[in-house]
Amino acid sequence: MDENLAKIRHERSKRDFPGLKLEDGEYVEYFFKRAKICLWMIWGATFIGLVLILLAFLIVLMNQTVIDEMGKNFLFIILFALLATALIIWMIALKIYNGNKLYITNRHAIQMVMNSPVSTSINIINLKSVEDASFRQTNFMQKMFHYGTFRLATVGEETTYTFPYSDISPKELRGVTELISAAKQDTREED
């Protein structure tokens, strides 16, 4: 690649992804997040939870013919506690969804995984050491909503890095495979 174009892409990647520590001449080729179906499930579960809480509250209020002021206040406290809990869970789920990212640069695969707000990991894999890149769908839901598990296997210790719930297209998978081949070709030329 032209050196000037590589510098421009490096500067744009530094601007677009300020949290990444990119080497000189390194730029982001692909950026993957979890599949949109995960976001839909978060929103759907939150909506259903809120509706169920409100319905339960309405049923309790309608079935109570004689309820004193203290009882109503107690029910309102319970309602607000349940609503607050549902909203906190929703915010945590969105934070986790947005915290799972995979960057493929011209030199590395950078995987950021967040399992909970306090449990995170970052894996940086040199593309030269990647032996295999694959995308696997194992059931009907994954086929229907086009998501699956993206997998990078390295040489040597046979470490496998997976990025589940991703929606990588066949074109993007071919592009990643070509980047891996180019990184290995650069290694051979250096030797």
Protein backbone atom coordinates (compact mmCIF):
# COMPACT_ATOMS: atom_id res chain seq x y z
CA MET A 1 0.00 0.00 0.00
CA ASP A 2 1.10 3.54 -0.70
CA GLU A 3 2.86 5.03 2.34
CA ASN A 4 0.86 8.29 2.22
CA LEU A 5 -2.44 6.39 2.10
CA ALA A 6 -1.31 4.25 5.04
CA LYS A 7 -0.52 7.43 7.05
CA ILE A 8 -3.93 8.91 6.22
CA ARG A 9 -5.69 5.70 7.24
CA HIS A 10 -3.62 5.54 10.45
CA GLU A 11 -4.58 9.11 11.40
CA ARG A 12 -8.25 8.46 10.59
CA SER A 13 -8.22 5.27 12.69
CA LYS A 14 -6.65 7.16 15.62
CA ARG A 15 -9.39 9.78 15.34
CA ASP A 16 -12.28 7.30 14.89
CA PHE A 17 -11.07 4.85 17.58
CA PRO A 18 -9.30 6.98 20.22
CA GLY A 19 -9.23 4.16 22.80
CA LEU A 20 -6.98 1.96 20.64
CA LYS A 21 -3.23 2.11 20.96
CA LEU A 22 -2.20 1.75 17.33
CA GLU A 23 1.40 1.35 16.21
CA ASP A 24 2.88 3.64 13.55
CA GLY A 25 1.40 2.72 10.20
CA GLU A 26 -1.31 0.55 11.76
CA TYR A 27 -4.94 1.27 10.90
CA VAL A 28 -8.33 -0.34 11.47
CA GLU A 29 -9.63 -2.37 8.54
CA TYR A 30 -12.73 -3.88 10.18
CA PHE A 31 -14.72 -3.09 13.30
CA PHE A 32 -17.25 -5.60 14.64
CA LYS A 33 -19.76 -5.37 17.47
CA ARG A 34 -22.23 -7.93 18.70
CA ALA A 35 -25.10 -8.69 16.32
CA LYS A 36 -28.13 -6.40 16.34
CA ILE A 37 -30.30 -9.32 17.53
CA CYS A 38 -28.58 -8.97 20.93
CA LEU A 39 -29.65 -5.33 21.12
CA TRP A 40 -33.21 -6.27 20.10
CA MET A 41 -33.28 -8.93 22.84
CA ILE A 42 -32.16 -6.38 25.44
CA TRP A 43 -34.83 -3.89 24.39
CA GLY A 44 -37.48 -6.63 24.10
CA ALA A 45 -36.74 -8.14 27.50
CA THR A 46 -36.76 -4.70 29.11
CA PHE A 47 -40.07 -3.79 27.47
CA ILE A 48 -41.68 -7.09 28.50
CA GLY A 49 -40.35 -6.72 32.04
CA LEU A 50 -41.70 -3.19 32.37
CA VAL A 51 -45.11 -4.21 30.97
CA LEU A 52 -45.33 -7.17 33.35
CA ILE A 53 -44.44 -4.99 36.34
CA LEU A 54 -47.07 -2.42 35.40
CA LEU A 55 -49.72 -5.09 34.71
CA ALA A 56 -49.04 -6.77 38.05
CA PHE A 57 -49.33 -3.43 39.78
CA LEU A 58 -52.63 -2.62 38.02
CA ILE A 59 -54.08 -6.05 38.84
CA VAL A 60 -53.18 -5.63 42.51
CA LEU A 61 -54.73 -2.16 42.60
CA MET A 62 -57.93 -3.24 40.81
CA ASN A 63 -58.44 -6.29 43.01
CA GLN A 64 -58.04 -4.32 46.21
CA THR A 65 -61.36 -2.73 47.06
CA VAL A 66 -60.32 -1.73 50.51
CA ILE A 67 -56.76 -0.55 50.62
CA ASP A 68 -55.61 2.04 53.05
CA GLU A 69 -53.20 4.87 52.32
CA MET A 70 -50.30 3.00 53.91
CA GLY A 71 -50.94 -0.02 51.70
CA LYS A 72 -51.01 2.16 48.56
CA ASN A 73 -47.74 3.81 49.56
CA PHE A 74 -46.18 0.39 50.15
CA LEU A 75 -47.32 -0.78 46.69
CA PHE A 76 -45.91 2.36 45.07
CA ILE A 77 -42.58 1.79 46.79
CA ILE A 78 -42.50 -1.78 45.49
CA LEU A 79 -43.46 -0.61 41.99
CA PHE A 80 -40.75 2.03 41.88
CA ALA A 81 -38.16 -0.40 43.26
CA LEU A 82 -39.05 -2.95 40.55
CA LEU A 83 -39.02 -0.29 37.82
CA ALA A 84 -35.66 1.04 39.03
CA THR A 85 -34.23 -2.48 39.10
CA ALA A 86 -35.46 -3.14 35.53
CA LEU A 87 -33.90 0.11 34.30
CA ILE A 88 -30.60 -0.61 36.05
CA ILE A 89 -30.48 -4.07 34.49
CA TRP A 90 -31.26 -2.50 31.10
CA MET A 91 -28.40 0.01 31.48
CA ILE A 92 -25.96 -2.72 32.53
CA ALA A 93 -27.01 -4.91 29.57
CA LEU A 94 -26.46 -2.00 27.15
CA LYS A 95 -23.06 -1.29 28.70
CA ILE A 96 -22.06 -4.93 28.25
CA TYR A 97 -23.40 -4.98 24.68
CA ASN A 98 -21.40 -1.88 23.78
CA GLY A 99 -18.30 -3.16 25.60
CA ASN A 100 -17.86 -6.18 23.30
CA LYS A 101 -15.85 -5.19 20.23
CA LEU A 102 -13.47 -6.71 17.74
CA TYR A 103 -11.06 -4.58 15.74
CA ILE A 104 -9.12 -6.02 12.84
CA THR A 105 -6.20 -3.81 11.87
CA ASN A 106 -3.65 -4.37 9.16
CA ARG A 107 -1.41 -5.97 11.84
CA HIS A 108 -3.52 -7.19 14.77
CA ALA A 109 -6.88 -8.48 15.90
CA ILE A 110 -7.91 -6.61 19.05
CA GLN A 111 -10.73 -8.26 20.97
CA MET A 112 -12.44 -6.43 23.83
CA VAL A 113 -14.78 -8.67 25.82
CA MET A 114 -17.01 -7.49 28.65
CA ASN A 115 -18.90 -10.17 30.58
CA SER A 116 -20.03 -7.80 33.32
CA PRO A 117 -19.21 -4.20 34.23
CA VAL A 118 -16.32 -5.46 36.39
CA SER A 119 -15.17 -8.40 34.24
CA THR A 120 -13.41 -7.35 31.06
CA SER A 121 -10.58 -8.68 28.96
CA ILE A 122 -8.55 -7.45 26.01
CA ASN A 123 -6.81 -9.86 23.68
CA ILE A 124 -4.36 -8.59 21.07
CA ILE A 125 -3.48 -11.15 18.45
CA ASN A 126 -0.78 -10.59 15.87
CA LEU A 127 -2.25 -11.46 12.46
CA LYS A 128 1.04 -13.19 11.57
CA SER A 129 0.29 -15.85 14.19
CA VAL A 130 -3.29 -16.53 13.09
CA GLU A 131 -3.62 -19.84 11.34
CA ASP A 132 -7.36 -19.92 10.70
CA ALA A 133 -10.31 -17.52 10.66
CA SER A 134 -13.83 -18.93 10.51
CA PHE A 135 -17.46 -18.05 11.11
CA ARG A 136 -19.85 -20.70 12.42
CA GLN A 137 -23.63 -20.82 12.77
CA THR A 138 -25.00 -23.82 14.64
CA ASN A 139 -28.78 -23.43 14.75
CA PHE A 140 -31.83 -22.09 12.96
CA MET A 141 -31.99 -18.83 14.96
CA GLN A 142 -28.41 -18.00 14.03
CA LYS A 143 -29.15 -18.65 10.35
CA MET A 144 -32.39 -16.69 10.42
CA PHE A 145 -30.93 -13.60 12.12
CA HIS A 146 -27.45 -14.01 10.57
CA TYR A 147 -25.25 -14.17 13.63
CA GLY A 148 -22.80 -16.75 14.87
CA THR A 149 -19.34 -17.22 16.30
CA PHE A 150 -16.28 -15.70 14.67
CA ARG A 151 -13.16 -17.69 15.50
CA LEU A 152 -9.44 -16.99 15.18
CA ALA A 153 -7.07 -19.90 15.79
CA THR A 154 -3.38 -19.25 16.31
CA VAL A 155 -0.36 -21.38 15.51
CA GLY A 156 1.89 -22.80 18.18
CA GLU A 157 -0.08 -23.20 21.39
CA GLU A 158 -3.31 -23.70 19.42
CA THR A 159 -5.06 -20.85 21.20
CA THR A 160 -8.51 -20.09 19.86
CA TYR A 161 -10.13 -16.69 20.24
CA THR A 162 -13.88 -16.57 19.74
CA PHE A 163 -16.25 -13.65 19.28
CA PRO A 164 -19.77 -15.05 19.75
CA TYR A 165 -22.97 -13.27 18.64
CA SER A 166 -21.21 -11.56 15.74
CA ASP A 167 -22.74 -10.85 12.35
CA ILE A 168 -19.71 -11.01 10.09
CA SER A 169 -20.57 -11.28 6.41
CA PRO A 170 -18.81 -13.69 4.03
CA LYS A 171 -17.23 -10.68 2.31
CA GLU A 172 -15.80 -9.43 5.62
CA LEU A 173 -14.54 -12.94 6.47
CA ARG A 174 -12.73 -13.08 3.11
CA GLY A 175 -11.25 -9.63 3.84
CA VAL A 176 -9.96 -10.77 7.24
CA THR A 177 -8.50 -13.90 5.66
CA GLU A 178 -6.74 -11.75 3.06
CA LEU A 179 -5.31 -9.53 5.81
CA ILE A 180 -3.96 -12.62 7.59
CA SER A 181 -2.37 -13.83 4.34
CA ALA A 182 -0.87 -10.38 3.69
CA ALA A 183 0.60 -10.26 7.22
CA LYS A 184 2.17 -13.68 6.73
CA GLN A 185 3.50 -12.63 3.32
CA ASP A 186 5.12 -9.54 4.88
CA THR A 187 6.82 -11.83 7.42
CA ARG A 188 8.25 -14.03 4.66
CA GLU A 189 9.54 -11.00 2.77
CA GLU A 190 11.26 -9.68 5.92
CA ASP A 191 13.12 -12.98 6.39
